[in-house]
Protein backbone atom coordinates (compact mmCIF):
# COMPACT_ATOMS: atom_id res chain seq x y z
CA MET A 1 103.12 120.70 114.68
CA SER A 2 101.11 123.89 114.37
CA THR A 3 97.40 123.97 115.10
CA ILE A 4 96.76 125.27 111.57
CA ARG A 5 98.60 122.32 110.01
CA LEU A 6 96.62 119.86 112.13
CA GLN A 7 93.39 121.56 111.10
CA GLN A 8 94.36 121.31 107.45
CA LEU A 9 95.12 117.61 107.85
CA SER A 10 91.83 117.08 109.68
CA GLN A 11 90.02 118.62 106.71
CA SER A 12 91.91 116.35 104.33
CA ILE A 13 91.08 113.30 106.45
CA GLY A 14 87.47 114.40 106.78
CA HIS A 15 87.24 114.40 110.56
CA ALA A 16 87.60 117.21 113.12
CA PHE A 17 89.00 115.54 116.22
CA ASN A 18 87.35 116.20 119.56
CA ASP A 19 90.71 115.21 121.06
CA PRO A 20 93.47 116.58 118.78
CA GLU A 21 96.08 114.72 120.82
CA LEU A 22 94.80 111.47 119.31
CA LEU A 23 95.69 112.74 115.86
CA GLN A 24 99.10 113.87 117.12
CA LEU A 25 99.71 110.41 118.54
CA ALA A 26 98.62 108.73 115.30
CA LEU A 27 101.25 110.76 113.43
CA THR A 28 104.04 109.96 115.88
CA HIS A 29 106.54 107.36 114.71
CA ARG A 30 108.46 105.25 117.23
CA SER A 31 111.67 107.03 116.20
CA PHE A 32 110.24 110.29 117.55
CA ALA A 33 109.05 109.27 121.03
CA LYS A 34 108.34 106.33 123.31
CA SER A 35 104.69 107.32 123.19
CA ASN A 36 103.97 106.58 119.54
CA ASN A 37 101.35 105.29 117.10
CA GLU A 38 102.04 101.55 117.34
CA ARG A 39 99.03 100.75 119.56
CA LEU A 40 96.72 102.87 117.41
CA GLU A 41 98.13 101.11 114.35
CA PHE A 42 97.25 97.73 115.91
CA LEU A 43 93.68 98.89 116.49
CA GLY A 44 93.30 100.54 113.10
CA ASP A 45 94.61 97.49 111.25
CA SER A 46 91.86 95.33 112.75
CA LEU A 47 89.18 97.91 112.01
CA LEU A 48 90.36 98.38 108.42
CA ASN A 49 90.28 94.66 107.69
CA PHE A 50 86.80 94.40 109.17
CA PHE A 51 85.38 97.40 107.29
CA ILE A 52 86.82 96.27 103.95
CA ALA A 53 85.70 92.67 104.49
CA ASP A 54 82.17 93.87 105.25
CA ALA A 55 82.13 96.12 102.17
CA LEU A 56 83.33 93.30 99.90
CA TYR A 57 80.84 90.84 101.38
CA ARG A 58 78.02 93.21 100.48
CA GLN A 59 79.43 94.30 97.10
CA PHE A 60 79.98 90.75 95.84
CA PRO A 61 77.14 88.64 97.34
CA THR A 62 77.90 85.48 95.32
CA THR A 63 81.71 85.57 95.38
CA LYS A 64 83.58 82.81 97.23
CA GLU A 65 85.78 83.34 100.25
CA GLY A 66 89.06 82.88 98.38
CA SER A 67 88.36 85.66 95.91
CA LEU A 68 87.06 87.94 98.65
CA SER A 69 90.27 87.36 100.61
CA ARG A 70 92.42 88.23 97.60
CA LEU A 71 90.40 91.38 96.93
CA ARG A 72 90.72 92.45 100.55
CA ALA A 73 94.46 91.81 100.51
CA SER A 74 94.83 94.00 97.43
CA LEU A 75 93.07 96.87 99.20
CA VAL A 76 94.67 96.76 102.65
CA LYS A 77 98.27 96.10 101.57
CA GLY A 78 101.00 98.60 102.28
CA VAL A 79 101.26 99.97 98.76
CA THR A 80 97.56 100.92 98.70
CA LEU A 81 97.65 102.46 102.17
CA ALA A 82 100.75 104.46 101.27
CA GLU A 83 98.94 105.82 98.22
CA ILE A 84 96.04 106.91 100.43
CA ALA A 85 98.48 108.57 102.82
CA LEU A 86 99.94 110.57 99.95
CA GLU A 87 96.47 111.53 98.71
CA LEU A 88 95.60 112.83 102.18
CA ASP A 89 98.96 114.63 102.60
CA ILE A 90 99.78 112.64 105.70
CA GLY A 91 103.50 112.33 104.95
CA ASP A 92 104.30 115.98 105.56
CA CYS A 93 102.63 115.82 108.98
CA LEU A 94 104.44 112.80 110.37
CA ARG A 95 106.48 113.23 113.55
CA LEU A 96 109.74 111.42 112.86
CA GLY A 97 113.09 111.18 114.56
CA SER A 98 115.94 113.08 112.93
CA GLY A 99 117.40 109.94 111.37
CA GLU A 100 114.11 108.91 109.79
CA MET A 101 113.49 112.44 108.60
CA LYS A 102 116.89 112.67 106.90
CA SER A 103 116.43 109.30 105.19
CA GLY A 104 113.05 110.28 103.74
CA GLY A 105 110.87 108.41 106.21
CA ASN A 106 107.89 110.59 105.37
CA ARG A 107 107.86 108.92 101.93
CA ARG A 108 108.52 105.35 103.09
CA GLU A 109 105.70 102.98 102.29
CA SER A 110 105.68 101.14 105.61
CA ILE A 111 105.65 104.32 107.70
CA LEU A 112 102.89 105.89 105.60
CA ALA A 113 100.78 102.72 105.72
CA ASP A 114 101.18 102.44 109.49
CA ALA A 115 100.11 106.07 109.90
CA VAL A 116 96.90 105.48 107.94
CA GLU A 117 96.02 102.53 110.16
CA ALA A 118 96.84 104.57 113.26
CA ILE A 119 94.59 107.40 112.10
CA ILE A 120 91.74 104.92 111.61
CA GLY A 121 92.27 103.77 115.18
CA ALA A 122 92.37 107.37 116.38
CA ILE A 123 89.11 108.27 114.64
CA TYR A 124 87.46 105.19 116.18
CA LEU A 125 88.53 106.21 119.68
CA ASP A 126 87.57 109.84 119.08
CA ALA A 127 84.17 109.39 117.45
CA GLY A 128 83.17 105.73 117.33
CA GLU A 129 82.88 102.89 114.83
CA ALA A 130 80.30 104.48 112.53
CA LEU A 131 82.43 107.52 111.75
CA ALA A 132 85.60 105.48 111.43
CA ARG A 133 83.83 103.25 108.91
CA GLU A 134 82.50 106.29 107.04
CA ARG A 135 86.00 107.73 106.62
CA VAL A 136 87.47 104.42 105.47
CA MET A 137 84.70 103.95 102.93
CA ALA A 138 85.25 107.49 101.63
CA TRP A 139 88.99 106.87 101.18
CA PHE A 140 88.41 103.52 99.45
CA LYS A 141 85.29 104.43 97.45
CA GLU A 142 86.94 104.66 94.03
CA ARG A 143 89.15 101.64 94.67
CA LEU A 144 86.15 99.52 95.64
CA ALA A 145 84.24 100.69 92.58
CA ALA A 146 87.17 99.82 90.31
CA LEU A 147 87.50 96.22 91.52
CA ASN A 148 87.28 93.62 88.78
CA LEU A 149 86.61 90.03 89.82
CA ALA A 150 88.09 88.75 86.57
CA GLN A 151 91.42 90.28 87.56
CA ASP A 152 91.42 89.61 91.28
CA THR A 153 94.38 87.22 91.01
CA LYS A 154 96.45 89.33 88.64
CA ASP A 155 98.98 91.78 90.02
CA ALA A 156 99.77 95.17 88.48
CA LYS A 157 102.86 93.97 86.58
CA THR A 158 100.85 91.18 84.96
CA ARG A 159 98.02 93.54 84.04
CA LEU A 160 100.45 96.03 82.52
CA GLN A 161 102.25 93.32 80.54
CA GLU A 162 98.98 91.90 79.18
CA PHE A 163 97.75 95.38 78.24
CA LEU A 164 100.94 96.12 76.27
CA GLN A 165 101.08 92.69 74.65
CA GLY A 166 97.48 93.02 73.54
CA ARG A 167 98.39 96.15 71.62
CA GLY A 168 101.61 94.86 70.13
CA ARG A 169 103.81 97.09 72.26
CA ALA A 170 107.17 96.30 73.84
CA LEU A 171 107.16 94.87 77.35
CA PRO A 172 107.85 97.30 80.23
CA ASN A 173 111.38 97.65 81.53
CA TYR A 174 112.02 98.08 85.27
CA GLU A 175 115.17 99.82 86.47
CA VAL A 176 116.41 100.37 90.02
CA ALA A 177 117.33 104.05 90.00
CA ALA A 178 118.52 104.29 93.61
CA THR A 179 118.69 102.41 96.90
CA ARG A 180 118.84 103.80 100.43
CA GLY A 181 118.89 102.52 103.98
CA GLY A 182 120.48 99.45 105.50
CA ASP A 183 119.52 95.79 105.45
CA HIS A 184 116.87 96.31 108.12
CA ASP A 185 115.25 99.38 106.55
CA PRO A 186 115.90 99.44 102.80
CA GLU A 187 114.27 101.73 100.25
CA PHE A 188 114.21 101.24 96.49
CA ASP A 189 113.46 103.79 93.77
CA VAL A 190 112.31 101.97 90.63
CA LEU A 191 111.68 103.43 87.17
CA CYS A 192 109.21 101.72 84.85
CA HIS A 193 109.86 102.46 81.17
CA VAL A 194 106.71 101.97 79.09
CA GLU A 195 106.15 102.43 75.37
CA GLY A 196 103.51 105.11 74.97
CA LEU A 197 104.59 107.21 77.95
CA ARG A 198 106.92 110.17 77.47
CA GLU A 199 108.75 109.62 80.74
CA PRO A 200 109.38 106.58 82.94
CA VAL A 201 107.13 106.16 85.95
CA LYS A 202 108.85 106.24 89.35
CA ALA A 203 107.85 104.43 92.53
CA THR A 204 109.46 103.92 95.94
CA ALA A 205 109.00 101.02 98.37
CA ASN A 206 110.88 98.97 100.94
CA SER A 207 111.60 96.17 98.45
CA ARG A 208 112.37 96.04 94.75
CA LYS A 209 109.39 93.79 94.12
CA LYS A 210 106.96 96.15 95.82
CA ALA A 211 108.42 99.18 94.05
CA GLU A 212 108.03 97.47 90.67
CA GLN A 213 104.41 96.58 91.42
CA LEU A 214 103.68 100.15 92.51
CA ALA A 215 105.38 101.54 89.39
CA ALA A 216 103.30 99.22 87.22
CA ARG A 217 100.12 100.43 88.89
CA HIS A 218 101.12 104.06 88.31
CA ALA A 219 101.87 103.23 84.65
CA LEU A 220 98.42 101.66 84.20
CA ARG A 221 96.90 104.89 85.50
CA GLU A 222 99.07 107.06 83.27
CA LEU A 223 97.97 104.98 80.30
CA GLY A 224 94.32 105.46 81.27
CA VAL A 225 93.79 101.75 81.83
CA GLU A 226 92.83 102.11 85.48
CA LYS A 227 91.30 104.93 87.48
CA ARG A 228 93.49 107.32 89.44
């Protein structure tokens, strides 16, 4: 990857690496090289869970553990991390093996989510806990602000259905537009048809269920119900 492209990604991430090789490693999928981002992903996953747990503990001082756990799960799940990866333009910078590249690995939810966690681990090693926390909080700022305790147990499909029912509209229709990959690495393209939107909303994930949930979340944003 060119130095210019790495610099652009660093700007998007919000951190100029003292050791650019850490960023390179964080972007390296196991299909590309034996030296890959799996160890950084392990580290970043732990840091992410800790930072989000700490933020929720402070944001909701009277909320019980069960609700806090559900809120954290909604923020650190693969769908959310993949969205952040797309917002930061991480997908185009991933180092993938030829097979993964041809099959659209740079758009696959699991690969994108793992890369975000690896980058968190890389920032921590490069600049310490405080800066790693700062970057995570910046990426999750709007999502944390949009949390609603009254809806912490409701998934996106339920929220979309209730929104449409409350306005007398038809229920959403989910359609599998395409499938790719084998049994061990599937990918589903799902279209969500919603009354009030000119075009169906498309989402891709490694299971039909996840793709439908992601499509429902995109639809809620298109309808102006939730923040982008």
